[in-house]
Protein backbone atom coordinates (compact mmCIF):
# COMPACT_ATOMS: atom_id res chain seq x y z
CA UNK A 1 299.53 8.22 58.19
CA UNK A 2 298.04 7.54 54.78
CA UNK A 3 300.40 5.82 52.35
CA UNK A 4 299.64 5.69 48.63
CA UNK A 5 301.40 2.95 46.72
CA UNK A 6 301.68 2.05 43.04
CA UNK A 7 303.81 -0.26 40.95
CA UNK A 8 303.93 -2.15 37.70
CA UNK A 9 304.13 -5.88 37.05
CA UNK A 10 307.76 -5.97 38.27
CA UNK A 11 306.74 -4.78 41.72
CA UNK A 12 303.39 -6.51 42.13
CA UNK A 13 304.69 -9.14 44.58
CA UNK A 14 306.43 -6.37 46.56
CA UNK A 15 303.16 -4.46 46.81
CA UNK A 16 301.37 -7.35 48.50
CA UNK A 17 304.07 -7.61 51.21
CA UNK A 18 304.27 -3.86 51.53
CA UNK A 19 300.52 -3.40 51.98
CA UNK A 20 300.52 -5.98 54.77
CA UNK A 21 303.57 -4.46 56.46
CA UNK A 22 302.29 -0.88 56.35
CA UNK A 23 298.79 -1.87 57.45
CA UNK A 24 300.20 -3.82 60.40
CA UNK A 25 302.25 -0.72 61.30
CA UNK A 26 298.97 1.24 61.58
CA UNK A 27 299.04 3.12 58.29
CA UNK A 28 296.04 3.68 56.03
CA UNK A 29 297.26 2.16 52.76
CA UNK A 30 295.71 2.99 49.41
CA UNK A 31 296.77 0.78 46.50
CA UNK A 32 296.70 2.50 43.12
CA UNK A 33 297.45 -0.67 41.21
CA UNK A 34 297.83 -2.79 39.39
CA UNK A 35 295.59 -5.40 40.94
CA UNK A 36 296.67 -8.33 38.75
CA UNK A 37 299.82 -9.35 36.92
CA UNK A 38 300.09 -8.12 33.34
CA UNK A 39 303.59 -8.20 31.84
CA UNK A 40 302.53 -5.46 29.41
CA UNK A 41 301.02 -3.04 31.92
CA UNK A 42 302.03 0.62 31.91
CA UNK A 43 303.23 2.13 35.18
CA UNK A 44 302.71 5.86 34.42
CA UNK A 45 298.99 5.99 35.25
CA UNK A 46 299.42 3.96 38.45
CA UNK A 47 302.30 6.12 39.69
CA UNK A 48 300.80 9.42 38.61
CA UNK A 49 297.55 8.52 40.39
CA UNK A 50 299.45 7.69 43.59
CA UNK A 51 301.49 10.91 43.47
CA UNK A 52 298.40 13.01 42.70
CA UNK A 53 296.60 11.43 45.66
CA UNK A 54 299.51 12.36 47.94
CA UNK A 55 299.43 15.97 46.73
CA UNK A 56 295.63 16.11 47.05
CA UNK A 57 295.77 14.73 50.58
CA UNK A 58 298.40 17.22 51.65
CA UNK A 59 296.39 20.11 50.23
CA UNK A 60 293.41 18.81 52.26
CA UNK A 61 295.56 18.69 55.42
CA UNK A 62 295.85 14.90 55.47
CA UNK A 63 299.28 13.57 56.37
CA UNK A 64 300.31 11.24 53.55
CA UNK A 65 303.27 9.93 51.60
CA UNK A 66 303.69 7.79 48.52
CA UNK A 67 305.73 4.76 47.54
CA UNK A 68 306.09 3.75 43.90
CA UNK A 69 308.21 0.94 42.55
CA UNK A 70 308.98 -1.06 39.46
CA UNK A 71 311.93 -2.95 38.06
CA UNK A 72 314.46 -0.15 38.55
CA UNK A 73 312.27 2.57 40.08
CA UNK A 74 313.52 5.08 37.52
CA UNK A 75 310.43 5.33 35.31
CA UNK A 76 308.13 5.27 38.31
CA UNK A 77 309.99 8.20 39.86
CA UNK A 78 309.81 10.12 36.58
CA UNK A 79 306.06 9.50 36.33
CA UNK A 80 305.42 10.63 39.92
CA UNK A 81 307.47 13.78 39.37
CA UNK A 82 305.15 14.84 36.53
CA UNK A 83 302.55 15.70 39.18
CA UNK A 84 302.78 19.34 40.25
CA UNK A 85 303.64 19.35 43.94
CA UNK A 86 305.08 15.85 44.00
CA UNK A 87 308.70 15.49 45.01
CA UNK A 88 309.64 11.89 44.25
CA UNK A 89 313.10 10.57 45.07
CA UNK A 90 314.73 7.41 43.79
CA UNK A 91 315.89 5.51 46.87
CA UNK A 92 318.54 2.80 46.82
CA UNK A 93 319.91 2.88 50.37
CA UNK A 94 318.93 3.70 53.92
CA UNK A 95 320.81 6.98 53.63
CA UNK A 96 319.02 8.08 50.44
CA UNK A 97 315.68 7.25 52.07
CA UNK A 98 316.42 9.46 55.05
CA UNK A 99 317.96 12.28 53.01
CA UNK A 100 314.96 12.32 50.66
CA UNK A 101 312.91 13.58 53.60
CA UNK A 102 315.57 15.46 55.54
CA UNK A 103 316.91 17.55 52.66
CA UNK A 104 314.14 17.53 50.06
CA UNK A 105 310.96 16.91 52.07
CA UNK A 106 310.17 14.27 49.43
CA UNK A 107 306.58 13.14 49.59
CA UNK A 108 307.03 10.10 47.32
CA UNK A 109 309.84 7.58 47.07
CA UNK A 110 310.58 5.17 44.27
CA UNK A 111 312.34 1.85 44.72
CA UNK A 112 313.57 -0.73 42.21
CA UNK A 113 311.86 -4.02 43.04
CA UNK A 114 314.40 -5.92 40.96
CA UNK A 115 317.28 -4.15 42.70
CA UNK A 116 316.46 -4.93 46.35
CA UNK A 117 315.04 -7.59 48.59
CA UNK A 118 311.67 -6.98 50.17
CA UNK A 119 313.40 -6.61 53.56
CA UNK A 120 315.69 -3.90 52.17
CA UNK A 121 312.75 -2.09 50.59
CA UNK A 122 310.78 -2.21 53.83
CA UNK A 123 313.79 -0.81 55.71
CA UNK A 124 314.02 2.08 53.22
CA UNK A 125 310.27 2.77 53.39
CA UNK A 126 310.12 2.67 57.18
CA UNK A 127 313.08 5.07 57.40
CA UNK A 128 311.50 7.40 54.85
CA UNK A 129 308.21 7.49 56.77
CA UNK A 130 309.92 8.01 60.14
CA UNK A 131 312.35 10.74 59.05
CA UNK A 132 311.16 14.23 59.95
CA UNK A 133 311.74 17.24 57.74
CA UNK A 134 313.67 19.75 59.88
CA UNK A 135 312.65 22.72 57.68
CA UNK A 136 316.11 24.27 57.57
CA UNK A 137 316.05 27.52 55.59
CA UNK A 138 318.42 26.25 52.88
CA UNK A 139 316.19 23.25 52.21
CA UNK A 140 313.02 25.34 52.26
CA UNK A 141 314.59 27.80 49.82
CA UNK A 142 315.47 25.05 47.37
CA UNK A 143 312.02 23.47 47.60
CA UNK A 144 310.46 26.89 46.96
CA UNK A 145 312.66 27.24 43.86
CA UNK A 146 311.43 23.91 42.54
CA UNK A 147 307.81 24.94 43.13
CA UNK A 148 308.45 28.32 41.51
CA UNK A 149 309.84 26.64 38.42
CA UNK A 150 306.86 24.27 38.25
CA UNK A 151 304.50 27.24 38.34
CA UNK A 152 306.36 29.78 36.19
CA UNK A 153 309.11 27.92 34.31
CA UNK A 154 311.57 30.34 35.90
CA UNK A 155 313.44 30.84 39.14
CA UNK A 156 313.64 34.54 39.94
CA UNK A 157 317.20 35.83 39.83
CA UNK A 158 318.70 32.47 38.90
CA UNK A 159 319.03 32.97 35.14
CA UNK A 160 317.29 29.88 33.81
CA UNK A 161 318.46 29.09 30.28
CA UNK A 162 315.68 28.31 27.82
């Protein structure tokens, strides 16, 4: 599987371990940066590029997922979710990693590098990658509603307040 990763300065050390781990596990890893430490770097472009690459791959029929991380993971998740078609979930436990795929078919996860050890993060990432999406109707329906809102700014019959 292709895995797109991105971070900011807070997660740069994590990214080096993560690239090695995922490569050793047989994944095709694409690093969207940064390449060097800069305490003033801006994560949005890195994370948006990773999320866009995941969406582009999936449209092209290439199995891929994304992992973004920073100090808390919050901003990185928000950036990734600006990409139409990206479903990024903030993950802080093994359960949230699995549920991100099982219930939401998330295609990107975000992790706080300052909140977890590298071993914890790797456990979350491995679980996220391994978890299948069962495609239950209720989950598909909700994902369709999210996509509908992205495209139209409405969810038919749901009375969105503007």
